[in-house]
Each structure stands twice: as C-alpha cells, then as structure tokens.
C-alpha cells in the first residue's frame, strides 16, 4: 500500500482549493465591476495623494442651525475626508472661525491641530494643513442688497498648502474662485475680468522678488464655480486654461500657464467615478440643462490625478450609501423641488517624483 507523503497531501489540497479560490475571486471581481460595494470607487488610491474638494454650497447653506445643507455637509466631509476644500457662496468673510470650528467637530485632526480657513469674497479655502502665503483679490463689485450685501465683490482666495514631509513635502498652490453667473455680454465681461485677474496673479507669482513668489514647478490648482455656461463664449474659461489674457492693457501680457509651457489640465470628473454623467449643476425646475459649470484645473506637468468624481448620492444604492455613511438626498438643495444646485467635485492629486527632489 502506497504511503502518502505530506507533500502529496499539500499538492492535492492545492488542486482542490485552487478552482474554488478562482471562483471566489471571479465573483468578487464581477461584483466590483457592477459598482458594489461603492466605497472602493470613492476612496483615495494612494496614502500620499492630496484630496481636494470643490463645492458651491449656495448662500452659506452649510451653516447650522438654519442652513438647508448643514447636516448633509457634515456627512459628506466625513465620507470624503478631503485635505483641501474650496467652497463658493460663503457670503461673509467673518465666517472663517465658524467654518474652522465646524470642520474641527466634523473631521477632528490629530494632536489637537485645527483646520485652517481663508476667505476672500465668497470663496472659502479650507485645509487640514497650514496655509502659507495667503492672498486674494476683490475683482468685480456686484451688490446684493437683498442679501444685505451692498458692497459684495466677486474674486478669489489663494494660498500655498504646506504639505507635510510624510506626504511628499511638496507644497501646492491653490486658487479658489467663483466667476459671475449668467449669459449675456455683461456677465461674460465680468467673468473675463475675473479670469484675467487670476491669470495675472499666477503670472506675477513667477517674478523674482514677488512677495508671494512660487518656486519653479510648484503644483498649482485652480478650482471653483467657473460658470462655464453652455452656449456662452468660452474665453473666460480658456484664459484660466491657457493664460491667454483678454485685456492685456489692464492685466499685462499672456503667459504659458503650466511650468512646461503648456495649458492647465481639466480634471473632468464623472458622477461617482462611473464615466457616464459629468454635469456639476442641475435644477429640474428650470429650462436650463444640467451643465458642468464647476471645474478643477491643475498643472499636469508636475502632478497627476489618481481618482476623480462628482459626488451624486441620488444615483447610489442603499448599500452604497450605507457603506460611506451618506443619505440619498445629501447632495440635494431641495429634494421636494427637484433642485440639486451644485454638486461636490473631488480629485486626488499625486505629485510627480521630480517635484519632490
């Protein structure tokens, strides 16, 4: 009678287990391809990536106790876990301390650290890391007396994000902006003034001796509600992409906006990373079609995107929502009225190796 050696037993077990293991892996892969569970599609792929979120929250709607979005905002920032946030329509500059306190409560940082907030015009730039070289500009006066804002200005907020050494140590310069909305020549003119002002600022940052000068190859991100209105002239948006300034008499000469002499790249996120829908604004009560009004631009010569998405909880299943602690209507401004307003945009940036030398 043949004695079975332990090696033979191990070999037979492997032969029996291998098909079963392959079947399990195939089932898991098929389940993932169908988008379940959804959490994996929205998590950052790399620990060292810098996660950036942009969201026009509509008239400070995220502030408790009366803001329509204050509870959903808390759930969203906990689920997304951004490093840097650019909010638009935070209408009052004195809300910086309030925002920092909210973020400290919603997403507490380690070792007693506090979220940093910088507000210019209606743009709030929020970071879990230190904000250096804070700046900004009030570009276009546009009063909103009905909101108690007779001297409101559109403009931009900017700062250098001090990325810790354990995440690569390469700082990132972020410009948070909100261009004037609407069609018509006057609104397009105002958008162009704002875009020209931002392009001028980024050009001047490269001049030696500038008070906020950037080191060569510093990654740059421009984010916000750029109001890229369908059917309207694209020149204001193209200025931000190319550095082609329209009013050179006022704002100076054109320049190549990326460090390698090329254009900025558009993140172009899709809903829940499914590559099907790309709009960032929607209101079913109006005749305007859903549109990608909001954008995130970046210098792709020194950084890349590993993950990008527009968060849309309305198209997520119950299981998907539960896996990340969200509710179905969290991105809605008014669910009963079918009013989304703007949706949150998210991008995970990976720094190129040459920027870390």
Protein backbone atom coordinates (compact mmCIF):
# COMPACT_ATOMS: atom_id res chain seq x y z
CA UNK A 1 0.00 0.00 0.00
CA UNK A 2 1.41 3.40 -1.06
CA UNK A 3 2.18 5.78 1.79
CA UNK A 4 1.01 9.33 1.10
CA UNK A 5 3.68 11.87 1.90
CA UNK A 6 2.80 15.25 3.38
CA UNK A 7 3.96 16.89 0.17
CA UNK A 8 1.41 14.80 -1.77
CA UNK A 9 -1.35 15.89 0.59
CA UNK A 10 -0.42 19.54 0.19
CA UNK A 11 -0.38 19.17 -3.58
CA UNK A 12 -3.82 17.55 -3.62
CA UNK A 13 -5.25 20.22 -1.33
CA UNK A 14 -3.90 22.94 -3.58
CA UNK A 15 -5.52 21.28 -6.59
CA UNK A 16 -8.86 21.18 -4.79
CA UNK A 17 -8.69 24.69 -3.38
CA UNK A 18 -7.41 26.50 -6.45
CA UNK A 19 -10.62 26.23 -8.53
CA UNK A 20 -12.70 27.32 -5.52
CA UNK A 21 -10.39 30.29 -4.92
CA UNK A 22 -10.56 31.31 -8.57
CA UNK A 23 -14.35 31.12 -8.44
CA UNK A 24 -14.45 33.39 -5.38
CA UNK A 25 -12.10 35.89 -6.99
CA UNK A 26 -14.16 35.90 -10.17
CA UNK A 27 -17.33 36.55 -8.19
CA UNK A 28 -15.71 39.40 -6.29
CA UNK A 29 -14.42 40.93 -9.50
CA UNK A 30 -17.85 40.71 -11.11
CA UNK A 31 -19.42 42.29 -8.06
CA UNK A 32 -16.90 45.15 -8.13
CA UNK A 33 -17.49 45.75 -11.84
CA UNK A 34 -21.16 46.31 -11.08
CA UNK A 35 -20.18 49.01 -8.62
CA UNK A 36 -20.89 47.19 -5.35
CA UNK A 37 -19.57 47.96 -2.84
CA UNK A 38 -19.29 51.58 -3.92
CA UNK A 39 -16.88 52.76 -1.25
CA UNK A 40 -13.85 51.47 -3.12
CA UNK A 41 -14.62 53.68 -6.11
CA UNK A 42 -14.58 56.81 -3.94
CA UNK A 43 -11.61 56.06 -1.68
CA UNK A 44 -8.22 57.54 -2.45
CA UNK A 45 -5.89 55.03 -4.06
CA UNK A 46 -2.63 56.26 -2.55
CA UNK A 47 -1.96 57.30 1.02
CA UNK A 48 0.21 60.21 -0.11
CA UNK A 49 -2.36 61.67 -2.53
CA UNK A 50 -3.77 65.09 -1.68
CA UNK A 51 -7.58 65.02 -1.85
CA UNK A 52 -9.20 68.27 -2.98
CA UNK A 53 -12.92 69.05 -2.95
CA UNK A 54 -14.77 71.98 -4.54
CA UNK A 55 -18.41 72.85 -3.93
CA UNK A 56 -20.70 75.83 -4.45
CA UNK A 57 -22.89 75.38 -1.38
CA UNK A 58 -25.41 78.14 -2.22
CA UNK A 59 -25.67 81.09 0.13
CA UNK A 60 -23.91 79.64 3.19
CA UNK A 61 -26.43 76.77 3.30
CA UNK A 62 -23.97 74.55 5.22
CA UNK A 63 -24.05 76.61 8.40
CA UNK A 64 -26.18 75.42 11.33
CA UNK A 65 -28.78 75.73 12.60
CA UNK A 66 -30.80 77.11 9.69
CA UNK A 67 -28.74 76.15 6.67
CA UNK A 68 -30.53 73.64 4.45
CA UNK A 69 -27.33 71.64 4.00
CA UNK A 70 -25.67 71.77 7.40
CA UNK A 71 -26.36 68.12 8.27
CA UNK A 72 -25.58 66.78 4.80
CA UNK A 73 -22.36 68.81 4.66
CA UNK A 74 -21.20 67.13 7.86
CA UNK A 75 -21.90 63.68 6.44
CA UNK A 76 -20.22 64.49 3.13
CA UNK A 77 -16.94 65.79 4.57
CA UNK A 78 -16.77 62.78 6.91
CA UNK A 79 -17.32 60.41 3.98
CA UNK A 80 -15.00 62.16 1.51
CA UNK A 81 -12.25 63.06 4.03
CA UNK A 82 -10.76 65.89 1.93
CA UNK A 83 -7.43 67.52 2.69
CA UNK A 84 -8.32 70.79 0.99
CA UNK A 85 -11.78 72.26 0.35
CA UNK A 86 -12.80 75.20 -1.81
CA UNK A 87 -16.32 76.44 -1.06
CA UNK A 88 -18.18 79.09 -3.00
CA UNK A 89 -21.08 81.29 -1.85
CA UNK A 90 -19.79 81.59 1.68
CA UNK A 91 -21.02 85.14 1.62
CA UNK A 92 -19.46 86.67 4.75
CA UNK A 93 -15.69 86.83 5.43
CA UNK A 94 -16.27 86.73 9.20
CA UNK A 95 -17.39 83.08 8.87
CA UNK A 96 -13.81 81.79 8.89
CA UNK A 97 -13.76 80.96 12.61
CA UNK A 98 -17.19 79.33 12.37
CA UNK A 99 -16.05 77.13 9.48
CA UNK A 100 -12.89 76.09 11.32
CA UNK A 101 -14.93 75.13 14.39
CA UNK A 102 -17.38 73.11 12.26
CA UNK A 103 -14.59 71.22 10.49
CA UNK A 104 -12.85 70.53 13.80
CA UNK A 105 -16.08 68.99 15.03
CA UNK A 106 -16.96 67.10 11.85
CA UNK A 107 -13.46 65.82 10.98
CA UNK A 108 -11.19 66.14 14.06
CA UNK A 109 -7.47 66.33 13.31
CA UNK A 110 -4.68 64.59 15.18
CA UNK A 111 -2.73 66.06 18.10
CA UNK A 112 -5.09 68.94 18.70
CA UNK A 113 -4.47 70.51 15.33
CA UNK A 114 -7.09 72.78 13.78
CA UNK A 115 -8.45 73.22 10.28
CA UNK A 116 -7.21 76.37 8.56
CA UNK A 117 -9.67 78.70 6.79
CA UNK A 118 -9.02 81.63 4.45
CA UNK A 119 -11.94 83.59 2.96
CA UNK A 120 -11.89 86.25 0.25
CA UNK A 121 -15.15 87.43 -1.33
CA UNK A 122 -17.42 84.35 -1.18
CA UNK A 123 -14.56 81.86 -1.56
CA UNK A 124 -13.58 79.81 1.48
CA UNK A 125 -10.30 77.90 1.22
CA UNK A 126 -10.16 75.24 3.95
CA UNK A 127 -7.19 72.99 4.68
CA UNK A 128 -6.16 70.37 7.21
CA UNK A 129 -2.60 71.57 6.53
CA UNK A 130 -1.11 75.00 7.19
CA UNK A 131 -2.00 77.78 4.75
CA UNK A 132 1.03 79.87 3.76
CA UNK A 133 1.23 82.99 1.60
CA UNK A 134 -2.48 83.74 1.94
CA UNK A 135 -3.71 86.22 -0.63
CA UNK A 136 -6.66 87.08 -2.81
CA UNK A 137 -8.40 89.86 -4.66
CA UNK A 138 -11.78 91.54 -4.82
CA UNK A 139 -12.11 91.85 -8.58
CA UNK A 140 -15.68 92.71 -9.56
CA UNK A 141 -18.17 94.67 -7.43
CA UNK A 142 -21.68 93.28 -7.75
CA UNK A 143 -24.06 94.38 -4.97
CA UNK A 144 -26.65 92.02 -3.49
CA UNK A 145 -28.70 94.41 -1.33
CA UNK A 146 -31.47 91.83 -0.95
CA UNK A 147 -28.96 89.67 0.92
CA UNK A 148 -27.69 92.55 2.99
CA UNK A 149 -24.51 92.74 0.86
CA UNK A 150 -24.50 96.17 -0.82
CA UNK A 151 -20.71 96.01 -1.35
CA UNK A 152 -20.29 92.38 -2.38
CA UNK A 153 -17.42 91.54 -4.74
CA UNK A 154 -16.60 88.50 -6.82
CA UNK A 155 -12.97 87.49 -6.53
CA UNK A 156 -10.63 84.71 -5.49
CA UNK A 157 -8.79 83.35 -2.47
CA UNK A 158 -5.34 81.79 -2.81
CA UNK A 159 -2.77 80.15 -0.56
CA UNK A 160 0.17 77.78 -0.53
CA UNK A 161 -0.78 74.48 1.11
CA UNK A 162 2.05 73.29 3.35
CA UNK A 163 2.11 69.55 2.60
CA UNK A 164 3.80 67.53 5.39
CA UNK A 165 7.04 65.67 4.68
CA UNK A 166 5.46 62.24 5.19
CA UNK A 167 3.09 63.02 2.27
CA UNK A 168 5.86 64.15 -0.03
CA UNK A 169 6.57 67.60 1.35
CA UNK A 170 5.88 69.43 -1.93
CA UNK A 171 3.60 72.38 -1.28
CA UNK A 172 0.62 73.01 -3.55
CA UNK A 173 -0.68 76.44 -4.54
CA UNK A 174 -4.49 76.57 -4.68
CA UNK A 175 -6.71 79.30 -6.10
CA UNK A 176 -10.38 79.10 -5.05
CA UNK A 177 -12.67 81.16 -7.26
CA UNK A 178 -16.24 81.94 -8.27
CA UNK A 179 -16.92 83.63 -11.60
CA UNK A 180 -20.08 85.65 -12.26
CA UNK A 181 -23.01 83.55 -13.45
CA UNK A 182 -25.46 84.01 -16.30
CA UNK A 183 -25.46 84.59 -20.04
CA UNK A 184 -25.35 87.88 -21.89
CA UNK A 185 -22.47 90.19 -22.76
CA UNK A 186 -22.21 91.89 -19.36
CA UNK A 187 -21.93 88.65 -17.39
CA UNK A 188 -19.36 87.32 -19.86
CA UNK A 189 -17.40 90.58 -19.50
CA UNK A 190 -17.37 90.24 -15.73
CA UNK A 191 -16.24 86.62 -15.94
CA UNK A 192 -13.42 87.67 -18.25
CA UNK A 193 -12.25 90.35 -15.81
CA UNK A 194 -12.09 87.78 -13.02
CA UNK A 195 -10.23 85.23 -15.14
CA UNK A 196 -7.77 87.88 -16.37
CA UNK A 197 -7.09 88.92 -12.76
CA UNK A 198 -6.33 85.33 -11.72
CA UNK A 199 -4.08 84.77 -14.73
CA UNK A 200 -2.18 87.96 -13.93
CA UNK A 201 -1.69 86.88 -10.32
CA UNK A 202 -0.34 83.46 -11.30
CA UNK A 203 1.98 85.05 -13.85
CA UNK A 204 3.32 87.58 -11.36
CA UNK A 205 3.99 84.85 -8.78
CA UNK A 206 6.84 83.69 -11.03
CA UNK A 207 8.62 87.03 -10.90
CA UNK A 208 11.75 87.05 -8.71
CA UNK A 209 11.28 89.17 -5.63
CA UNK A 210 7.48 88.96 -5.60
CA UNK A 211 6.19 88.92 -2.03
CA UNK A 212 4.44 85.58 -2.65
CA UNK A 213 6.72 84.17 -5.35
CA UNK A 214 6.48 80.45 -6.08
CA UNK A 215 9.37 78.07 -6.53
CA UNK A 216 9.69 76.62 -10.00
CA UNK A 217 7.48 73.60 -10.59
CA UNK A 218 5.20 74.27 -7.61
CA UNK A 219 1.96 72.38 -8.34
CA UNK A 220 -0.93 74.77 -8.97
CA UNK A 221 -4.66 74.05 -8.73
CA UNK A 222 -7.48 76.41 -9.74
CA UNK A 223 -10.90 75.28 -8.56
CA UNK A 224 -14.41 76.55 -8.14
CA UNK A 225 -17.62 77.57 -9.81
CA UNK A 226 -16.19 78.98 -13.03
CA UNK A 227 -19.67 79.26 -14.56
CA UNK A 228 -18.67 77.62 -17.82
CA UNK A 229 -22.14 78.39 -19.19
CA UNK A 230 -23.17 76.32 -22.26
CA UNK A 231 -23.74 78.48 -25.31
CA UNK A 232 -21.85 81.46 -23.84
CA UNK A 233 -18.37 82.47 -25.02
CA UNK A 234 -15.70 80.18 -23.58
CA UNK A 235 -12.96 82.82 -23.50
CA UNK A 236 -13.10 83.42 -19.70
CA UNK A 237 -12.60 79.70 -19.07
CA UNK A 238 -9.93 79.42 -21.75
CA UNK A 239 -7.95 82.20 -20.07
CA UNK A 240 -7.68 80.05 -16.94
CA UNK A 241 -6.63 77.04 -19.02
CA UNK A 242 -4.11 78.77 -21.30
CA UNK A 243 -3.00 82.02 -19.64
CA UNK A 244 -4.28 83.97 -22.67
CA UNK A 245 -5.32 87.29 -21.09
CA UNK A 246 -8.04 89.22 -22.94
CA UNK A 247 -7.41 92.73 -21.55
CA UNK A 248 -3.64 92.97 -21.80
CA UNK A 249 -3.67 96.76 -21.38
CA UNK A 250 -5.01 96.29 -17.83
CA UNK A 251 -3.69 92.89 -16.80
CA UNK A 252 -0.47 92.58 -18.77
CA UNK A 253 0.81 90.05 -21.29
CA UNK A 254 -0.19 86.44 -21.87
CA UNK A 255 1.92 83.63 -20.47
CA UNK A 256 2.05 79.85 -20.69
CA UNK A 257 0.28 78.88 -17.51
CA UNK A 258 1.83 75.45 -16.84
CA UNK A 259 5.50 75.19 -15.96
CA UNK A 260 6.36 73.26 -19.12
CA UNK A 261 4.81 75.88 -21.40
CA UNK A 262 1.54 74.03 -21.95
CA UNK A 263 -2.07 74.52 -20.80
CA UNK A 264 -3.62 73.60 -17.47
CA UNK A 265 -5.42 70.24 -17.46
CA UNK A 266 -9.11 69.85 -16.62
CA UNK A 267 -9.81 67.09 -14.07
CA UNK A 268 -13.22 66.47 -15.69
CA UNK A 269 -14.71 64.21 -13.00
CA UNK A 270 -17.74 61.99 -13.61
CA UNK A 271 -20.59 61.15 -11.29
CA UNK A 272 -19.36 58.65 -8.70
CA UNK A 273 -16.41 57.80 -10.98
CA UNK A 274 -18.65 55.86 -13.37
CA UNK A 275 -17.75 57.83 -16.53
CA UNK A 276 -21.38 58.35 -17.52
CA UNK A 277 -22.54 61.80 -16.32
CA UNK A 278 -20.33 64.86 -15.93
CA UNK A 279 -22.61 67.77 -15.01
CA UNK A 280 -21.95 69.68 -11.78
CA UNK A 281 -25.16 71.76 -11.61
CA UNK A 282 -28.79 70.80 -12.05
CA UNK A 283 -32.22 72.32 -11.38
CA UNK A 284 -35.16 70.37 -12.73
CA UNK A 285 -37.49 73.36 -12.29
CA UNK A 286 -35.66 75.45 -14.86
CA UNK A 287 -35.33 75.09 -18.61
CA UNK A 288 -31.53 75.04 -18.42
CA UNK A 289 -29.97 71.64 -19.00
CA UNK A 290 -27.63 70.17 -16.35
CA UNK A 291 -24.16 71.57 -17.01
CA UNK A 292 -20.53 71.28 -15.95
CA UNK A 293 -20.30 74.81 -14.55
CA UNK A 294 -17.67 73.90 -11.95
CA UNK A 295 -14.12 72.80 -12.74
CA UNK A 296 -10.81 71.80 -11.18
CA UNK A 297 -7.74 72.74 -13.24
CA UNK A 298 -4.16 71.70 -12.48
CA UNK A 299 -0.59 71.84 -13.74
CA UNK A 300 -0.24 68.35 -15.12
CA UNK A 301 3.47 68.80 -15.81
CA UNK A 302 4.18 68.27 -12.10
CA UNK A 303 1.14 66.38 -10.81
CA UNK A 304 -1.42 63.84 -11.95
CA UNK A 305 -4.89 62.68 -10.89
CA UNK A 306 -5.35 59.20 -9.49
CA UNK A 307 -9.06 59.45 -8.71
CA UNK A 308 -11.77 61.95 -9.67
CA UNK A 309 -15.52 62.10 -9.22
CA UNK A 310 -18.59 64.27 -8.83
CA UNK A 311 -20.48 63.06 -5.77
CA UNK A 312 -24.11 62.26 -6.59
CA UNK A 313 -25.86 60.46 -3.78
CA UNK A 314 -29.16 60.39 -5.72
CA UNK A 315 -27.87 57.66 -8.02
CA UNK A 316 -26.35 55.48 -5.28
CA UNK A 317 -27.98 52.35 -3.89
CA UNK A 318 -28.96 51.89 -0.26
CA UNK A 319 -25.95 49.64 0.30
CA UNK A 320 -23.58 52.10 -1.36
CA UNK A 321 -24.86 54.97 0.78
CA UNK A 322 -24.67 52.94 3.98
CA UNK A 323 -21.07 51.93 3.24
CA UNK A 324 -19.91 55.56 3.42
CA UNK A 325 -22.45 56.98 5.87
CA UNK A 326 -24.45 59.11 3.44
CA UNK A 327 -28.16 59.60 2.79
CA UNK A 328 -29.94 59.60 -0.55
CA UNK A 329 -30.68 63.33 -0.68
CA UNK A 330 -27.37 64.60 0.73
CA UNK A 331 -26.36 66.42 -2.47
CA UNK A 332 -29.79 68.00 -2.95
CA UNK A 333 -30.50 71.59 -2.02
CA UNK A 334 -34.27 70.98 -2.10
CA UNK A 335 -35.28 67.39 -2.83
CA UNK A 336 -39.01 68.09 -2.97
CA UNK A 337 -38.48 70.76 -5.61
CA UNK A 338 -36.01 68.64 -7.59
CA UNK A 339 -33.33 71.27 -7.01
CA UNK A 340 -29.77 69.96 -6.86
CA UNK A 341 -27.96 73.28 -7.36
CA UNK A 342 -24.21 72.45 -7.47
CA UNK A 343 -22.63 69.08 -6.70
CA UNK A 344 -19.30 68.44 -4.93
CA UNK A 345 -16.24 67.77 -7.12
CA UNK A 346 -13.38 65.65 -5.76
CA UNK A 347 -9.88 64.99 -7.12
CA UNK A 348 -6.95 63.06 -5.65
CA UNK A 349 -3.62 64.53 -6.77
CA UNK A 350 -0.38 62.58 -6.97
CA UNK A 351 2.80 64.65 -7.10
CA UNK A 352 5.28 63.76 -9.80
CA UNK A 353 8.56 62.40 -8.49
CA UNK A 354 10.59 65.30 -9.93
CA UNK A 355 8.68 67.80 -7.79
CA UNK A 356 9.94 66.07 -4.62
CA UNK A 357 13.65 66.31 -5.32
